C-alpha cells in the first residue's frame, strides 16, 4: 500500500509512517527534556542578573533622592532670601527674621521639621563693607546683606541596599543685598 513516493521511488508503507512517527516523538521528547533543563539554568541566570540590577536601581533612586533634597533646601534658602530682601514681614509674624524662617520652612519640601526650624535655619544680617554680622534694631535695614543658611538637615536614604543606612547631613546657603525699606521705615528684625 503506497502512500507517498520518495526520491528513490519507494513508497512509504503504513509501517514506515508509524516508525517515522515514533522517531519524531522520541526526537521531540528528548528535545523537551533538554528544554526543561535549560529552563532551570535560565532561572539561575535571571537571579544572578536581577540582584545587581535591583541594587543599581536602588542606588540610582537614592542618589536622585539626595539630589532632590539638596535642590529643595537650596530652593528654600533662595526663596527665603528673595522674600527677606523686600523687608516686608508676614502677617502674624513678629518680625522679618521669623517671616524669613517661615518662608524657608514652607519651601523646604518637608525636609526641615517645624520643631527644628530654630536650630537648622540661620538668618544673619551682614555689614556690606566688613561682612561682619550686624545686630540690633537697624540690622535688617536696606543696604545690609541678608544671609540665610540651613545646616545639619538629616536626609535618610530610601533603601540601604548597597549604601550605609545612616542619614546624610545636608546644608545650603544664600545671600543678597537688602532693598531699602518703603518710606524709610525699617521693619522689626525679630
Protein backbone atom coordinates (compact mmCIF):
# COMPACT_ATOMS: atom_id res chain seq x y z
CA UNK A 1 0.00 0.00 0.00
CA UNK A 2 1.75 3.13 -1.24
CA UNK A 3 1.07 6.45 0.48
CA UNK A 4 3.84 8.83 -0.58
CA UNK A 5 6.56 8.35 -3.14
CA UNK A 6 10.13 9.13 -2.08
CA UNK A 7 13.05 10.30 -4.18
CA UNK A 8 14.17 6.68 -4.68
CA UNK A 9 10.73 5.89 -5.95
CA UNK A 10 9.97 3.73 -2.98
CA UNK A 11 6.56 4.04 -1.48
CA UNK A 12 6.19 4.58 2.19
CA UNK A 13 4.08 1.93 3.69
CA UNK A 14 1.90 2.31 6.71
CA UNK A 15 4.61 0.57 8.70
CA UNK A 16 7.21 3.17 7.59
CA UNK A 17 4.88 6.03 8.57
CA UNK A 18 4.37 4.53 12.03
CA UNK A 19 8.15 4.17 12.51
CA UNK A 20 8.72 7.74 11.37
CA UNK A 21 6.06 8.94 13.79
CA UNK A 22 7.73 7.09 16.66
CA UNK A 23 11.13 8.56 15.76
CA UNK A 24 9.68 12.08 15.72
CA UNK A 25 8.08 11.52 19.12
CA UNK A 26 11.42 10.37 20.54
CA UNK A 27 13.17 13.37 18.97
CA UNK A 28 10.73 15.87 20.46
CA UNK A 29 10.70 14.05 23.80
CA UNK A 30 14.49 14.39 24.05
CA UNK A 31 14.17 17.99 22.94
CA UNK A 32 11.63 18.78 25.66
CA UNK A 33 13.81 17.19 28.34
CA UNK A 34 16.74 19.38 27.37
CA UNK A 35 14.40 22.40 27.21
CA UNK A 36 13.34 21.70 30.80
CA UNK A 37 16.99 21.52 31.86
CA UNK A 38 17.68 24.83 30.12
CA UNK A 39 14.75 26.43 31.90
CA UNK A 40 16.44 25.76 35.25
CA UNK A 41 19.61 27.49 34.09
CA UNK A 42 17.56 30.41 32.81
CA UNK A 43 16.13 30.93 36.31
CA UNK A 44 19.61 30.84 37.84
CA UNK A 45 20.95 33.29 35.25
CA UNK A 46 17.96 35.60 35.77
CA UNK A 47 18.52 35.67 39.53
CA UNK A 48 22.23 36.35 39.05
CA UNK A 49 21.40 39.33 36.83
CA UNK A 50 18.39 40.55 38.83
CA UNK A 51 20.18 41.11 42.16
CA UNK A 52 22.85 43.52 40.81
CA UNK A 53 20.26 45.26 38.63
CA UNK A 54 18.00 45.89 41.64
CA UNK A 55 20.99 47.14 43.60
CA UNK A 56 21.90 49.53 40.81
CA UNK A 57 18.28 50.69 40.53
CA UNK A 58 18.06 51.43 44.26
CA UNK A 59 21.43 53.20 44.17
CA UNK A 60 20.21 55.46 41.35
CA UNK A 61 16.99 56.14 43.29
CA UNK A 62 18.98 57.05 46.42
CA UNK A 63 21.26 59.41 44.50
CA UNK A 64 18.19 61.04 42.96
CA UNK A 65 16.60 61.36 46.40
CA UNK A 66 19.66 63.09 47.88
CA UNK A 67 19.94 65.42 44.88
CA UNK A 68 16.25 66.27 45.24
CA UNK A 69 16.75 67.01 48.95
CA UNK A 70 19.77 69.24 48.25
CA UNK A 71 17.92 71.11 45.49
CA UNK A 72 14.87 71.56 47.76
CA UNK A 73 17.00 73.00 50.57
CA UNK A 74 18.81 75.31 48.15
CA UNK A 75 15.47 76.47 46.76
CA UNK A 76 14.21 77.09 50.30
CA UNK A 77 17.10 79.38 51.28
CA UNK A 78 16.93 81.14 47.90
CA UNK A 79 13.22 81.85 48.39
CA UNK A 80 13.88 82.94 51.99
CA UNK A 81 16.48 85.48 50.82
CA UNK A 82 14.26 86.57 47.96
CA UNK A 83 11.42 87.21 50.38
CA UNK A 84 13.69 88.81 53.00
CA UNK A 85 15.31 91.42 50.77
CA UNK A 86 11.92 93.07 50.28
CA UNK A 87 11.74 93.82 54.02
CA UNK A 88 8.04 93.03 54.47
CA UNK A 89 7.12 90.76 57.43
CA UNK A 90 4.38 88.16 57.00
CA UNK A 91 1.05 88.68 58.70
CA UNK A 92 1.04 87.03 62.09
CA UNK A 93 4.86 87.02 62.42
CA UNK A 94 6.58 89.33 64.94
CA UNK A 95 9.34 90.46 62.56
CA UNK A 96 11.32 89.93 59.38
CA UNK A 97 13.60 87.16 60.73
CA UNK A 98 10.69 84.96 61.83
CA UNK A 99 8.94 85.66 58.49
CA UNK A 100 12.04 84.53 56.56
CA UNK A 101 12.26 81.41 58.72
CA UNK A 102 8.60 80.64 57.93
CA UNK A 103 9.16 81.06 54.18
CA UNK A 104 12.23 78.77 54.27
CA UNK A 105 10.25 76.19 56.21
CA UNK A 106 7.41 76.40 53.67
CA UNK A 107 9.75 75.85 50.68
CA UNK A 108 11.89 73.09 52.23
CA UNK A 109 9.60 70.29 50.95
CA UNK A 110 9.24 68.86 54.45
CA UNK A 111 12.96 68.12 54.94
CA UNK A 112 13.09 70.53 57.90
CA UNK A 113 10.64 69.66 60.71
CA UNK A 114 8.89 72.69 62.21
CA UNK A 115 10.28 71.83 65.66
CA UNK A 116 13.88 72.08 64.44
CA UNK A 117 13.47 75.24 62.33
CA UNK A 118 15.09 77.42 65.01
CA UNK A 119 18.24 75.30 65.11
CA UNK A 120 18.62 74.36 61.44
CA UNK A 121 17.75 77.71 59.80
CA UNK A 122 20.23 80.50 60.43
CA UNK A 123 19.50 84.11 59.42
CA UNK A 124 22.19 86.77 59.62
CA UNK A 125 22.43 90.39 58.56
CA UNK A 126 25.94 91.43 57.48
CA UNK A 127 27.57 94.81 57.01
CA UNK A 128 28.30 95.37 53.29
CA UNK A 129 31.69 96.96 54.00
CA UNK A 130 33.14 94.50 56.53
CA UNK A 131 30.94 91.39 56.01
CA UNK A 132 30.68 91.12 59.80
CA UNK A 133 27.32 90.32 61.45
CA UNK A 134 25.20 93.34 62.35
CA UNK A 135 22.87 93.12 65.35
CA UNK A 136 20.30 95.43 66.82
CA UNK A 137 17.27 97.36 65.61
CA UNK A 138 18.69 98.52 62.28
CA UNK A 139 20.30 95.21 61.29
CA UNK A 140 17.67 94.50 58.63
CA UNK A 141 17.92 97.97 57.10
CA UNK A 142 18.35 98.46 53.36
CA UNK A 143 21.89 98.06 52.04
CA UNK A 144 22.86 95.32 54.51
CA UNK A 145 23.48 91.79 53.28
CA UNK A 146 20.95 89.12 54.22
CA UNK A 147 22.39 85.61 54.56
CA UNK A 148 20.12 82.59 55.07
CA UNK A 149 21.58 79.16 55.67
CA UNK A 150 20.39 75.68 56.51
CA UNK A 151 22.75 73.27 58.23
CA UNK A 152 22.53 69.81 59.73
CA UNK A 153 19.41 68.66 57.91
CA UNK A 154 19.43 64.85 58.06
CA UNK A 155 18.28 63.04 54.91
CA UNK A 156 17.96 59.26 55.15
CA UNK A 157 18.36 57.02 52.08
CA UNK A 158 15.24 55.43 50.59
CA UNK A 159 16.77 51.96 50.77
CA UNK A 160 20.09 50.93 52.21
CA UNK A 161 20.83 48.01 49.89
CA UNK A 162 24.34 48.95 48.74
CA UNK A 163 25.00 52.02 50.91
CA UNK A 164 25.09 52.85 54.59
CA UNK A 165 21.67 53.38 56.20
CA UNK A 166 22.94 56.38 58.18
CA UNK A 167 21.49 59.78 57.33
CA UNK A 168 23.40 62.38 55.34
CA UNK A 169 23.65 65.90 56.77
CA UNK A 170 22.91 68.47 54.08
CA UNK A 171 23.03 72.23 54.08
CA UNK A 172 22.55 75.22 51.81
CA UNK A 173 23.34 78.93 51.90
CA UNK A 174 22.18 82.00 50.00
CA UNK A 175 22.66 85.75 50.38
CA UNK A 176 21.66 89.05 48.77
CA UNK A 177 21.64 92.79 49.48
CA UNK A 178 18.59 94.12 51.33
CA UNK A 179 16.40 96.63 49.49
CA UNK A 180 15.63 99.98 51.05
CA UNK A 181 12.51 99.93 53.19
CA UNK A 182 9.37 101.62 51.85
CA UNK A 183 9.02 105.18 53.20
CA UNK A 184 12.34 104.71 55.03
CA UNK A 185 10.69 102.73 57.84
CA UNK A 186 12.90 99.80 58.91
CA UNK A 187 10.79 96.72 59.80
CA UNK A 188 11.17 94.86 63.07
CA UNK A 189 14.09 92.43 62.73
CA UNK A 190 12.94 89.76 65.21
